[in-house]
Protein backbone atom coordinates (compact mmCIF):
# COMPACT_ATOMS: atom_id res chain seq x y z
CA MET A 1 17.65 9.01 9.33
CA LYS A 2 21.07 8.33 8.10
CA GLU A 3 22.38 11.23 5.65
CA GLN A 4 22.13 10.25 1.98
CA GLN A 5 25.77 9.91 0.37
CA GLN A 6 26.19 9.87 -3.25
CA ASN A 7 27.55 7.40 -5.59
CA GLU A 8 28.87 7.83 -8.98
CA LEU A 9 26.27 8.17 -11.23
CA VAL A 10 25.96 4.21 -12.11
CA PRO A 11 24.38 3.44 -14.44
CA ALA A 12 25.01 6.49 -16.58
CA ASN A 13 22.70 9.64 -17.49
CA ASP A 14 20.38 8.94 -14.29
CA PRO A 15 20.69 12.24 -11.99
CA TYR A 16 19.46 10.94 -9.13
CA PRO A 17 22.47 9.01 -7.56
CA LEU A 18 21.97 5.73 -4.84
CA PRO A 19 22.86 6.14 -1.27
CA SER A 20 26.30 4.61 -0.70
CA GLU A 21 24.83 2.69 2.21
CA SER A 22 22.21 0.42 2.75
CA GLY A 23 18.84 2.27 5.13
CA ILE A 24 15.59 3.87 5.42
CA TYR A 25 15.78 7.11 2.68
CA GLU A 26 12.92 9.62 1.57
CA VAL A 27 12.58 8.99 -1.99
CA SER A 28 10.36 11.57 -4.14
CA PRO A 29 8.48 10.91 -7.10
CA GLU A 30 10.91 12.17 -9.30
CA MET A 31 13.68 9.81 -7.88
CA ALA A 32 11.09 7.13 -8.44
CA SER A 33 10.98 7.94 -11.84
CA SER A 34 14.29 8.62 -12.68
CA TRP A 35 15.26 5.20 -11.16
CA PHE A 36 12.66 3.21 -12.66
CA SER A 37 13.62 4.83 -16.27
CA TYR A 38 17.45 4.47 -15.94
CA ARG A 39 18.45 1.47 -13.65
CA ARG A 40 16.34 -1.42 -15.07
CA HIS A 41 18.92 -4.14 -15.51
CA PRO A 42 18.54 -5.66 -19.09
CA LYS A 43 17.72 -9.19 -17.72
CA LEU A 44 15.04 -7.41 -14.91
CA ARG A 45 12.00 -9.78 -15.44
CA PRO A 46 9.21 -8.10 -17.44
CA PHE A 47 7.48 -5.20 -16.33
CA SER A 48 3.71 -5.89 -15.40
CA ALA A 49 1.37 -2.68 -15.84
CA ARG A 50 -1.31 -4.45 -13.87
CA THR A 51 0.70 -4.99 -10.86
CA SER A 52 2.41 -1.55 -10.89
CA ALA A 53 -1.45 -0.20 -10.86
CA ARG A 54 -2.45 -2.33 -7.84
CA TYR A 55 0.78 -1.06 -5.67
CA GLN A 56 -0.41 2.40 -7.20
CA ALA A 57 -3.79 2.29 -5.68
CA ASP A 58 -2.43 0.41 -2.38
CA MET A 59 -0.06 3.39 -1.94
CA GLU A 60 -2.87 6.03 -2.83
CA ALA A 61 -5.30 4.34 -0.64
CA GLY A 62 -2.33 4.66 2.22
CA ARG A 63 -2.12 8.64 1.65
CA THR A 64 -5.69 8.64 3.41
CA GLN A 65 -5.66 5.81 6.03
CA PRO A 66 -5.16 6.77 9.80
CA GLY A 67 -2.10 5.89 11.73
CA PRO A 68 1.87 6.45 11.12
CA ILE A 69 2.76 3.60 9.15
CA ARG A 70 2.22 4.26 5.21
CA TRP A 71 1.91 1.47 2.77
CA PRO A 72 5.93 0.73 1.86
CA GLU A 73 6.99 1.40 5.51
CA ALA A 74 4.61 -1.36 6.71
CA THR A 75 7.22 -4.19 5.49
CA PRO A 76 11.01 -4.44 5.57
CA GLU A 77 10.94 -5.56 2.00
CA GLY A 78 12.84 -2.69 0.69
CA LEU A 79 13.94 -1.44 -3.05
CA ILE A 80 16.96 -3.64 -3.70
CA PHE A 81 19.88 -2.57 -6.17
CA ASP A 82 22.93 -4.66 -7.36
CA THR A 83 26.61 -3.63 -7.08
CA GLU A 84 26.45 -1.34 -10.31
CA GLY A 85 23.13 0.56 -9.33
CA TRP A 86 21.02 -1.74 -11.43
CA ILE A 87 17.43 -2.81 -9.96
CA ILE A 88 17.29 -6.35 -8.51
CA SER A 89 14.05 -5.93 -6.97
CA ALA A 90 12.25 -2.32 -7.27
CA GLN A 91 10.72 -1.45 -10.46
CA HIS A 92 6.81 -2.07 -9.97
CA ARG A 93 6.78 -0.11 -6.48
CA LEU A 94 8.98 2.76 -8.18
CA LYS A 95 6.66 2.76 -11.28
CA ALA A 96 3.74 3.07 -8.77
CA GLN A 97 5.27 5.61 -6.53
CA ALA A 98 6.26 8.11 -9.81
CA ASN A 99 2.90 7.58 -11.00
CA ALA A 100 1.28 8.50 -7.39
CA GLY A 101 3.18 11.33 -7.28
CA LEU A 102 4.06 10.44 -3.52
CA THR A 103 7.34 11.03 -1.53
CA LEU A 104 7.89 7.80 0.60
CA ARG A 105 10.44 6.59 2.67
CA TRP A 106 12.08 3.04 1.86
CA ARG A 107 14.27 0.71 3.09
CA ILE A 108 16.90 0.63 0.19
CA PHE A 109 19.64 -1.96 -0.25
CA VAL A 110 22.45 -0.82 -2.26
CA ASN A 111 25.60 -3.12 -3.33
CA GLU A 112 23.64 -6.54 -3.28
CA PRO A 113 25.26 -9.22 -5.50
CA ARG A 114 23.08 -9.91 -8.75
CA ASP A 115 22.94 -13.64 -8.04
CA ILE A 116 20.25 -13.13 -5.24
CA SER A 117 17.87 -12.36 -7.88
CA PRO A 118 16.14 -16.11 -8.25
CA PHE A 119 15.69 -16.17 -4.60
CA LEU A 120 13.30 -13.22 -4.54
CA ASP A 121 9.58 -12.92 -4.57
CA GLN A 122 9.52 -17.22 -3.94
CA GLY A 123 6.86 -16.48 -0.80
CA ARG A 124 3.13 -16.39 -1.15
CA ARG A 125 1.39 -13.14 -1.60
CA ARG A 126 -0.18 -12.38 1.85
CA SER A 127 -4.19 -12.13 0.95
CA ALA A 128 -6.92 -10.44 2.49
CA ALA A 129 -7.81 -13.77 4.44
CA ASP A 130 -4.29 -13.31 6.03
CA LEU A 131 -4.72 -9.90 7.37
CA LEU A 132 -8.37 -10.39 8.18
CA SER A 133 -7.49 -12.75 11.31
CA VAL A 134 -10.83 -14.16 11.61
CA LYS A 135 -12.24 -17.32 11.23
CA TYR A 136 -13.28 -18.32 7.83
CA GLY A 137 -11.08 -15.44 6.23
CA THR A 138 -11.23 -16.37 2.47
CA GLN A 139 -15.14 -16.22 2.74
CA VAL A 140 -15.44 -12.90 4.91
CA GLY A 141 -12.94 -11.49 2.72
CA ALA A 142 -14.98 -11.97 -0.43
CA GLY A 143 -17.99 -10.77 1.06
CA ALA A 144 -16.02 -7.42 1.94
CA ARG A 145 -14.92 -7.43 -1.57
CA HIS A 146 -18.42 -7.87 -2.85
CA LEU A 147 -19.51 -4.78 -0.78
CA ALA A 148 -16.19 -2.64 -1.73
CA ALA A 149 -17.16 -3.26 -5.55
CA LEU A 150 -20.84 -2.55 -5.25
CA ALA A 151 -20.28 0.83 -3.85
CA ASP A 152 -18.75 2.12 -7.30
CA GLY A 153 -20.03 -0.47 -9.31
CA ASP A 154 -22.53 0.16 -12.36
CA ARG A 155 -26.42 -0.86 -12.81
CA TRP A 156 -25.06 -4.09 -14.72
CA GLY A 157 -22.49 -5.89 -12.10
CA MET A 158 -19.49 -5.47 -10.38
CA PRO A 159 -17.14 -4.33 -13.24
CA ARG A 160 -14.34 -3.31 -10.36
CA TYR A 161 -14.23 -6.90 -8.21
CA ASN A 162 -11.34 -7.96 -9.82
CA SER A 163 -9.67 -4.93 -9.41
CA ILE A 164 -10.47 -3.93 -5.73
CA THR A 165 -7.07 -3.94 -3.91
CA ILE A 166 -6.19 -5.87 -0.48
CA PRO A 167 -6.30 -2.49 1.48
CA GLU A 168 -9.59 -1.88 0.31
CA VAL A 169 -10.91 -5.29 1.13
CA VAL A 170 -9.40 -4.95 4.96
CA ALA A 171 -10.69 -1.69 4.91
CA THR A 172 -14.41 -2.56 4.10
CA TYR A 173 -14.28 -5.32 6.26
CA ASN A 174 -13.35 -2.80 9.25
CA GLU A 175 -16.61 -0.71 8.26
CA TRP A 176 -18.79 -3.75 8.23
CA PRO A 177 -18.76 -5.63 11.00
CA GLU A 178 -22.26 -6.90 10.16
CA LEU A 179 -19.91 -9.36 7.90
CA THR A 180 -18.85 -11.72 10.90
CA TRP A 181 -22.56 -11.45 12.84
CA ASP A 182 -24.19 -14.54 10.91
CA LEU A 183 -20.69 -16.25 9.56
CA THR A 184 -21.36 -19.59 11.39
CA LYS A 185 -24.64 -19.92 10.15
CA VAL A 186 -23.99 -18.51 6.41
CA MET A 187 -21.02 -20.80 6.16
CA ALA A 188 -23.30 -24.04 6.89
CA ALA A 189 -25.88 -22.75 4.57
CA GLN A 190 -22.64 -22.91 1.81
CA TYR A 191 -22.12 -26.54 3.24
CA GLU A 192 -25.25 -27.85 3.33
CA ALA A 193 -26.97 -26.37 0.13
CA ASP A 194 -23.97 -24.89 -1.80
CA ILE A 195 -25.04 -21.21 -1.64
CA PRO A 196 -21.46 -19.43 -1.62
CA ALA A 197 -20.50 -17.55 1.34
CA GLY A 198 -19.19 -14.11 -0.23
CA PRO A 199 -21.85 -12.90 -1.81
CA HIS A 200 -24.37 -14.12 0.74
CA LEU A 201 -22.17 -12.14 3.50
CA ALA A 202 -22.52 -9.50 1.36
CA VAL A 203 -26.26 -9.48 1.31
CA ILE A 204 -26.79 -10.08 4.78
CA ALA A 205 -24.30 -7.62 5.85
CA GLN A 206 -26.54 -4.61 4.03
CA ALA A 207 -29.93 -6.62 5.36
CA SER A 208 -28.62 -6.23 8.79
CA ARG A 209 -28.90 -2.70 8.10
CA THR A 210 -32.38 -2.48 7.53
CA GLN A 211 -35.51 -2.70 9.07
CA TYR A 212 -35.69 -6.26 7.85
CA ARG A 213 -32.56 -7.59 10.20
CA ASP A 214 -35.30 -9.91 12.72
CA LEU A 215 -36.16 -11.75 9.43
CA ILE A 216 -32.39 -12.78 9.17
CA PRO A 217 -32.23 -15.90 11.76
CA GLY A 218 -35.40 -17.39 10.02
CA TRP A 219 -34.00 -16.63 6.28
CA LEU A 220 -30.58 -18.51 7.06
CA GLU A 221 -32.56 -21.33 8.88
CA GLY A 222 -34.89 -22.01 5.98
CA VAL A 223 -31.68 -21.94 2.92
CA ARG A 224 -29.51 -24.23 5.27
CA THR A 225 -31.86 -27.09 5.80
CA GLY A 226 -34.89 -26.38 3.43
CA TYR A 227 -37.44 -27.99 6.07
CA ASP A 228 -41.04 -27.38 5.65
CA LEU A 229 -40.68 -24.85 2.78
CA HIS A 230 -43.70 -24.49 0.48
CA ARG A 231 -43.01 -24.77 -3.33
CA GLY A 232 -43.18 -20.98 -3.74
CA ASP A 233 -40.82 -20.07 -0.93
CA PRO A 234 -38.04 -18.08 -2.22
CA ARG A 235 -35.55 -19.93 0.03
CA ALA A 236 -36.50 -23.47 -1.42
CA HIS A 237 -36.11 -21.60 -5.15
CA LEU A 238 -32.45 -20.47 -4.18
CA ARG A 239 -31.28 -23.62 -2.67
CA ASN A 240 -32.70 -25.33 -5.74
CA ARG A 241 -30.62 -23.00 -8.21
CA PHE A 242 -27.04 -23.45 -6.21
CA ARG A 243 -27.38 -27.27 -5.35
CA GLY A 244 -25.42 -29.00 -7.78
CA GLY A 245 -23.83 -26.11 -9.16
CA LEU A 246 -24.99 -22.61 -10.55
CA THR A 247 -25.98 -22.68 -14.24
CA THR A 248 -25.86 -19.49 -15.56
CA PHE A 249 -27.51 -17.86 -18.75
CA GLY A 250 -26.70 -15.41 -21.27
CA LYS A 251 -23.45 -13.33 -20.76
CA VAL A 252 -23.92 -12.77 -17.05
CA ASN A 253 -20.81 -14.22 -15.01
CA LYS A 254 -21.51 -16.55 -12.01
CA ARG A 255 -20.21 -13.89 -9.51
CA ASP A 256 -23.02 -11.33 -10.60
CA MET A 257 -25.53 -14.11 -11.04
CA ALA A 258 -24.85 -15.72 -7.53
CA TYR A 259 -25.39 -12.09 -5.75
CA ALA A 260 -28.44 -11.31 -7.91
CA LEU A 261 -30.23 -14.38 -6.99
CA ILE A 262 -29.46 -14.05 -3.26
CA VAL A 263 -30.46 -10.63 -3.21
CA LYS A 264 -33.80 -11.44 -5.41
CA ALA A 265 -34.58 -14.45 -3.11
CA TRP A 266 -33.96 -12.55 0.01
CA ASN A 267 -36.03 -9.49 -1.10
CA ALA A 268 -38.95 -12.14 -2.10
CA PHE A 269 -38.64 -13.37 1.23
CA VAL A 270 -39.14 -10.23 3.24
CA SER A 271 -42.02 -9.18 1.09
CA ASP A 272 -43.59 -12.45 1.61
CA GLU A 273 -43.66 -12.86 -2.03
CA ARG A 274 -44.25 -16.80 -3.27
CA ILE A 275 -42.28 -17.23 -6.56
CA THR A 276 -42.50 -19.49 -9.22
CA VAL A 277 -39.09 -19.21 -11.00
CA LEU A 278 -35.90 -17.60 -9.44
CA LYS A 279 -33.77 -16.32 -12.28
CA PHE A 280 -31.40 -13.27 -13.32
CA MET A 281 -30.81 -12.24 -16.91
CA ALA A 282 -28.03 -10.17 -18.39
CA SER A 283 -30.79 -7.25 -19.62
CA GLU A 284 -31.53 -6.77 -15.77
CA GLU A 285 -30.00 -4.24 -13.53
CA LEU A 286 -28.13 -5.66 -10.44
CA PRO A 287 -31.08 -5.71 -7.89
CA ARG A 288 -30.65 -3.65 -4.54
CA VAL A 289 -31.44 -5.22 -1.06
CA GLU A 290 -34.33 -4.47 0.11
CA GLY A 291 -34.50 -1.34 2.34
CA PHE A 292 -30.92 -0.82 2.07
CA VAL A 293 -29.59 2.95 1.58
CA ALA A 294 -26.02 2.64 0.14
CA ASP A 295 -25.07 6.27 1.25
CA GLN A 296 -26.49 5.80 4.64
CA LYS A 297 -23.63 3.59 6.25
CA GLY A 298 -25.38 1.84 9.24
CA ALA A 299 -28.59 3.72 9.12
CA ALA A 300 -31.94 1.69 8.31
CA ALA A 301 -33.96 3.02 5.54
């Protein structure tokens, strides 16, 4: 690593000078906090606490991940400062690092012209699907997001679903190879019966870790085709609820509703239960997949 050389204190009052040359440098949480506080240019884009919190979660997750590369060193996108020491691109990552209390190695660009700022952040943010490198990555990512949210959700839904970070989605995918075991058939059920693949994959992945795993092929064939299903068959009811669009009741959002209906139908199917109506109300707890023990990864109940 290059030896850090110090510029004059510009902007004024910042006790932590920037390096004089661009390169990779170790940045303490105190430095990150100070740079965030003193070096934000008056014309910098508005600060987003939500974006910073997402970066912080990624950094904190990287602290426990195996391997030599942590979150900021996994990309050449660095902290960028202009010719006077003001931030061009760095504020959200600096705030996240300061809040996380981590010392990190950053690629730092100094003495950059301020007029490059309109050309930054123009690319598309990488999604979980981009990183999973699997067919139907969007749907598999949604399934992994459901499983991650279920791991620490409450009894009434998945309140953290929307705040699950991309590293969490990827880590969950790696922990659940079952998400891809029946992927083609789950996608066929989505195409032919409008049953959303994300929550369906999450349910089937959990079912694959129970004593009912051998019933999955019959389940998937029934929900896909609807062939020769009697009126009380849970698979027929599930098809009817989703075909043409899911209607929700009360304060239940569609995500929780979709997941709950799939779980309820699956549980009735494995119990060989005839049903007359398939519904989920806001007053109900989110159902659990029959036979799955959440704290027993990989083991049948």
